[in-house]
């Protein structure tokens, strides 16, 4: 759900710089809770997003858990 809310970038022609911008712009009802930390604390990934041919913007383009825990298969939750 949160990743789809980043459609903000296409609508606003600017990438969000904070999760609060997604709430303020009514793309999210509230900042989601990290399922492992049970807090509104997420690891934000900043990068370039393509708007059109030759046109990019930099901002939040993905989110991950901020947990330092590791899953049973050995992958860190913060990579999910």
N, C-alpha and C. Protein backbone atom coordinates (compact mmCIF):
# COMPACT_ATOMS: atom_id res chain seq x y z
N UNK A 1 0.83 -1.20 0.00
CA UNK A 1 0.00 0.00 0.00
C UNK A 1 0.87 1.25 0.00
N UNK A 2 1.91 1.25 0.82
CA UNK A 2 2.76 2.44 0.90
C UNK A 2 3.49 2.69 -0.40
N UNK A 3 4.01 1.65 -1.01
CA UNK A 3 4.73 1.84 -2.27
C UNK A 3 3.81 2.39 -3.36
N UNK A 4 2.57 1.96 -3.38
CA UNK A 4 1.65 2.49 -4.39
C UNK A 4 1.31 3.95 -4.13
N UNK A 5 1.39 4.38 -2.88
CA UNK A 5 1.12 5.78 -2.55
C UNK A 5 2.19 6.70 -3.11
N UNK A 6 3.32 6.15 -3.47
CA UNK A 6 4.39 6.98 -4.00
C UNK A 6 4.04 7.43 -5.43
N UNK A 7 2.83 7.10 -5.92
CA UNK A 7 2.33 7.66 -7.18
C UNK A 7 2.24 9.17 -7.09
N UNK A 8 2.37 9.68 -5.90
CA UNK A 8 2.49 11.12 -5.65
C UNK A 8 3.45 11.74 -6.65
N UNK A 9 4.55 11.04 -6.93
CA UNK A 9 5.59 11.54 -7.83
C UNK A 9 5.03 11.86 -9.21
N UNK A 10 4.23 10.96 -9.73
CA UNK A 10 3.66 11.18 -11.08
C UNK A 10 2.62 12.31 -11.04
N UNK A 11 1.83 12.35 -9.99
CA UNK A 11 0.79 13.37 -9.89
C UNK A 11 1.35 14.77 -9.65
N UNK A 12 2.35 14.87 -8.79
CA UNK A 12 2.89 16.18 -8.39
C UNK A 12 4.11 16.61 -9.20
N UNK A 13 4.62 15.71 -10.03
CA UNK A 13 5.86 15.97 -10.80
C UNK A 13 7.01 16.31 -9.88
N UNK A 14 6.99 15.71 -8.68
CA UNK A 14 8.05 15.86 -7.69
C UNK A 14 7.94 14.67 -6.75
N UNK A 15 9.07 14.11 -6.38
CA UNK A 15 9.05 12.96 -5.48
C UNK A 15 8.89 13.44 -4.04
N UNK A 16 8.16 12.67 -3.21
CA UNK A 16 8.01 13.06 -1.81
C UNK A 16 9.35 13.00 -1.09
N UNK A 17 9.55 13.92 -0.17
CA UNK A 17 10.78 13.95 0.61
C UNK A 17 10.56 13.39 2.01
N UNK A 18 9.30 13.27 2.42
CA UNK A 18 8.95 12.72 3.73
C UNK A 18 7.68 11.88 3.58
N UNK A 19 7.46 10.98 4.53
CA UNK A 19 6.21 10.22 4.53
C UNK A 19 5.04 11.13 4.88
N UNK A 20 5.32 12.16 5.67
CA UNK A 20 4.27 13.10 6.04
C UNK A 20 3.70 13.80 4.79
N UNK A 21 4.52 14.00 3.78
CA UNK A 21 4.03 14.61 2.52
C UNK A 21 2.97 13.72 1.88
N UNK A 22 3.10 12.41 2.02
CA UNK A 22 2.09 11.49 1.48
C UNK A 22 0.79 11.57 2.27
N UNK A 23 0.89 11.81 3.56
CA UNK A 23 -0.30 11.97 4.40
C UNK A 23 -0.96 13.31 4.09
N UNK A 24 -0.17 14.36 4.06
CA UNK A 24 -0.69 15.71 3.79
C UNK A 24 -1.35 15.77 2.42
N UNK A 25 -0.77 15.09 1.44
CA UNK A 25 -1.33 15.06 0.09
C UNK A 25 -2.47 14.08 -0.07
N UNK A 26 -2.86 13.43 1.00
CA UNK A 26 -3.97 12.47 1.05
C UNK A 26 -3.72 11.23 0.21
N UNK A 27 -2.44 10.83 0.09
CA UNK A 27 -2.09 9.58 -0.56
C UNK A 27 -2.09 8.44 0.45
N UNK A 28 -1.93 8.78 1.73
CA UNK A 28 -2.02 7.84 2.84
C UNK A 28 -2.87 8.45 3.93
N UNK A 29 -3.59 7.62 4.65
CA UNK A 29 -4.39 8.10 5.78
C UNK A 29 -3.47 8.50 6.94
N UNK A 30 -2.43 7.68 7.16
CA UNK A 30 -1.45 7.94 8.21
C UNK A 30 -0.15 7.23 7.85
N UNK A 31 0.91 7.59 8.53
CA UNK A 31 2.18 6.90 8.31
C UNK A 31 2.03 5.49 8.88
N UNK A 32 2.32 4.47 8.07
CA UNK A 32 2.11 3.10 8.54
C UNK A 32 3.08 2.69 9.65
N UNK A 33 2.69 1.67 10.36
CA UNK A 33 3.50 1.11 11.44
C UNK A 33 4.38 0.00 10.87
N UNK A 34 5.66 0.02 11.23
CA UNK A 34 6.58 -1.05 10.84
C UNK A 34 6.08 -2.33 11.50
N UNK A 35 5.85 -3.40 10.73
CA UNK A 35 5.28 -4.63 11.30
C UNK A 35 6.19 -5.34 12.29
N UNK A 36 7.48 -5.06 12.26
CA UNK A 36 8.41 -5.72 13.16
C UNK A 36 8.73 -4.87 14.39
N UNK A 37 8.74 -3.56 14.23
CA UNK A 37 9.06 -2.66 15.33
C UNK A 37 7.82 -2.15 16.06
N UNK A 38 6.66 -2.25 15.41
CA UNK A 38 5.40 -1.76 15.96
C UNK A 38 5.48 -0.26 16.27
N UNK A 39 6.18 0.47 15.41
CA UNK A 39 6.32 1.92 15.52
C UNK A 39 6.16 2.52 14.12
N UNK A 40 5.87 3.79 14.09
CA UNK A 40 5.81 4.49 12.80
C UNK A 40 7.22 4.91 12.40
N UNK A 41 8.06 3.92 12.25
CA UNK A 41 9.46 4.14 11.91
C UNK A 41 9.80 3.20 10.76
N UNK A 42 10.07 3.75 9.61
CA UNK A 42 10.40 2.96 8.43
C UNK A 42 11.70 3.47 7.83
N UNK A 43 12.42 2.59 7.16
CA UNK A 43 13.64 2.99 6.47
C UNK A 43 13.25 3.48 5.08
N UNK A 44 13.58 4.70 4.79
CA UNK A 44 13.24 5.30 3.51
C UNK A 44 14.39 5.14 2.54
N UNK A 45 14.07 4.83 1.30
CA UNK A 45 15.09 4.75 0.25
C UNK A 45 14.87 5.94 -0.67
N UNK A 46 15.92 6.72 -0.85
CA UNK A 46 15.86 7.88 -1.74
C UNK A 46 16.59 7.54 -3.03
N UNK A 47 16.03 7.95 -4.11
CA UNK A 47 16.65 7.71 -5.41
C UNK A 47 15.92 8.50 -6.47
N UNK A 48 16.33 8.25 -7.70
CA UNK A 48 15.70 8.94 -8.82
C UNK A 48 14.48 8.17 -9.29
N UNK A 49 13.45 8.91 -9.67
CA UNK A 49 12.25 8.34 -10.25
C UNK A 49 12.06 8.99 -11.61
N UNK A 50 11.68 8.20 -12.58
CA UNK A 50 11.49 8.68 -13.94
C UNK A 50 10.10 9.30 -14.10
N UNK A 51 10.06 10.53 -14.56
CA UNK A 51 8.78 11.20 -14.84
C UNK A 51 8.41 11.07 -16.31
N UNK A 52 9.39 11.11 -17.15
CA UNK A 52 9.18 11.02 -18.58
C UNK A 52 10.53 10.91 -19.26
N UNK A 53 10.54 10.91 -20.58
CA UNK A 53 11.80 10.79 -21.30
C UNK A 53 12.81 11.86 -20.87
N UNK A 54 13.90 11.40 -20.27
CA UNK A 54 14.96 12.32 -19.86
C UNK A 54 14.64 13.19 -18.66
N UNK A 55 13.54 12.93 -17.98
CA UNK A 55 13.14 13.76 -16.84
C UNK A 55 13.03 12.90 -15.58
N UNK A 56 13.92 13.17 -14.61
CA UNK A 56 13.91 12.44 -13.36
C UNK A 56 13.80 13.41 -12.18
N UNK A 57 13.33 12.88 -11.06
CA UNK A 57 13.28 13.63 -9.81
C UNK A 57 13.84 12.73 -8.71
N UNK A 58 14.37 13.34 -7.67
CA UNK A 58 14.94 12.58 -6.56
C UNK A 58 14.06 12.74 -5.33
N UNK A 59 13.80 11.64 -4.67
CA UNK A 59 13.01 11.63 -3.45
C UNK A 59 12.78 10.20 -3.01
N UNK A 60 11.79 9.99 -2.15
CA UNK A 60 11.48 8.65 -1.67
C UNK A 60 10.95 7.82 -2.84
N UNK A 61 11.60 6.68 -3.07
CA UNK A 61 11.09 5.80 -4.12
C UNK A 61 10.89 4.37 -3.64
N UNK A 62 11.14 4.13 -2.35
CA UNK A 62 10.86 2.82 -1.76
C UNK A 62 10.96 2.92 -0.24
N UNK A 63 10.40 1.95 0.44
CA UNK A 63 10.45 1.89 1.90
C UNK A 63 10.72 0.45 2.32
N UNK A 64 11.34 0.31 3.49
CA UNK A 64 11.62 -1.01 4.06
C UNK A 64 11.39 -0.93 5.56
N UNK A 65 11.33 -2.08 6.18
CA UNK A 65 11.31 -2.12 7.63
C UNK A 65 12.61 -1.53 8.16
N UNK A 66 12.56 -0.89 9.30
CA UNK A 66 13.77 -0.35 9.93
C UNK A 66 14.33 -1.34 10.96
N UNK A 67 13.76 -2.54 11.02
CA UNK A 67 14.19 -3.55 11.97
C UNK A 67 15.59 -4.06 11.63
N UNK A 68 16.35 -4.40 12.67
CA UNK A 68 17.66 -5.01 12.47
C UNK A 68 17.58 -6.53 12.60
N UNK A 69 16.36 -7.06 12.74
CA UNK A 69 16.17 -8.51 12.86
C UNK A 69 16.39 -9.20 11.52
N UNK A 70 16.63 -10.50 11.59
CA UNK A 70 16.88 -11.31 10.40
C UNK A 70 15.82 -12.41 10.33
N UNK A 71 15.33 -12.69 9.13
CA UNK A 71 14.31 -13.73 8.96
C UNK A 71 14.92 -15.13 9.09
N UNK A 72 14.07 -16.13 9.10
CA UNK A 72 14.53 -17.52 9.22
C UNK A 72 15.43 -17.94 8.08
N UNK A 73 15.21 -17.34 6.90
CA UNK A 73 16.04 -17.72 5.76
C UNK A 73 17.34 -16.90 5.69
N UNK A 74 17.57 -16.05 6.69
CA UNK A 74 18.82 -15.31 6.78
C UNK A 74 18.82 -13.95 6.14
N UNK A 75 17.69 -13.53 5.55
CA UNK A 75 17.66 -12.19 4.95
C UNK A 75 17.20 -11.16 5.98
N UNK A 76 17.87 -10.04 6.04
CA UNK A 76 17.46 -8.98 6.99
C UNK A 76 16.10 -8.41 6.60
N UNK A 77 15.27 -8.15 7.60
CA UNK A 77 13.95 -7.58 7.34
C UNK A 77 14.05 -6.21 6.66
N UNK A 78 15.14 -5.51 6.89
CA UNK A 78 15.25 -4.17 6.29
C UNK A 78 15.53 -4.22 4.79
N UNK A 79 15.60 -5.43 4.21
CA UNK A 79 15.74 -5.54 2.75
C UNK A 79 14.43 -5.90 2.08
N UNK A 80 13.39 -6.15 2.88
CA UNK A 80 12.09 -6.55 2.32
C UNK A 80 11.34 -5.36 1.81
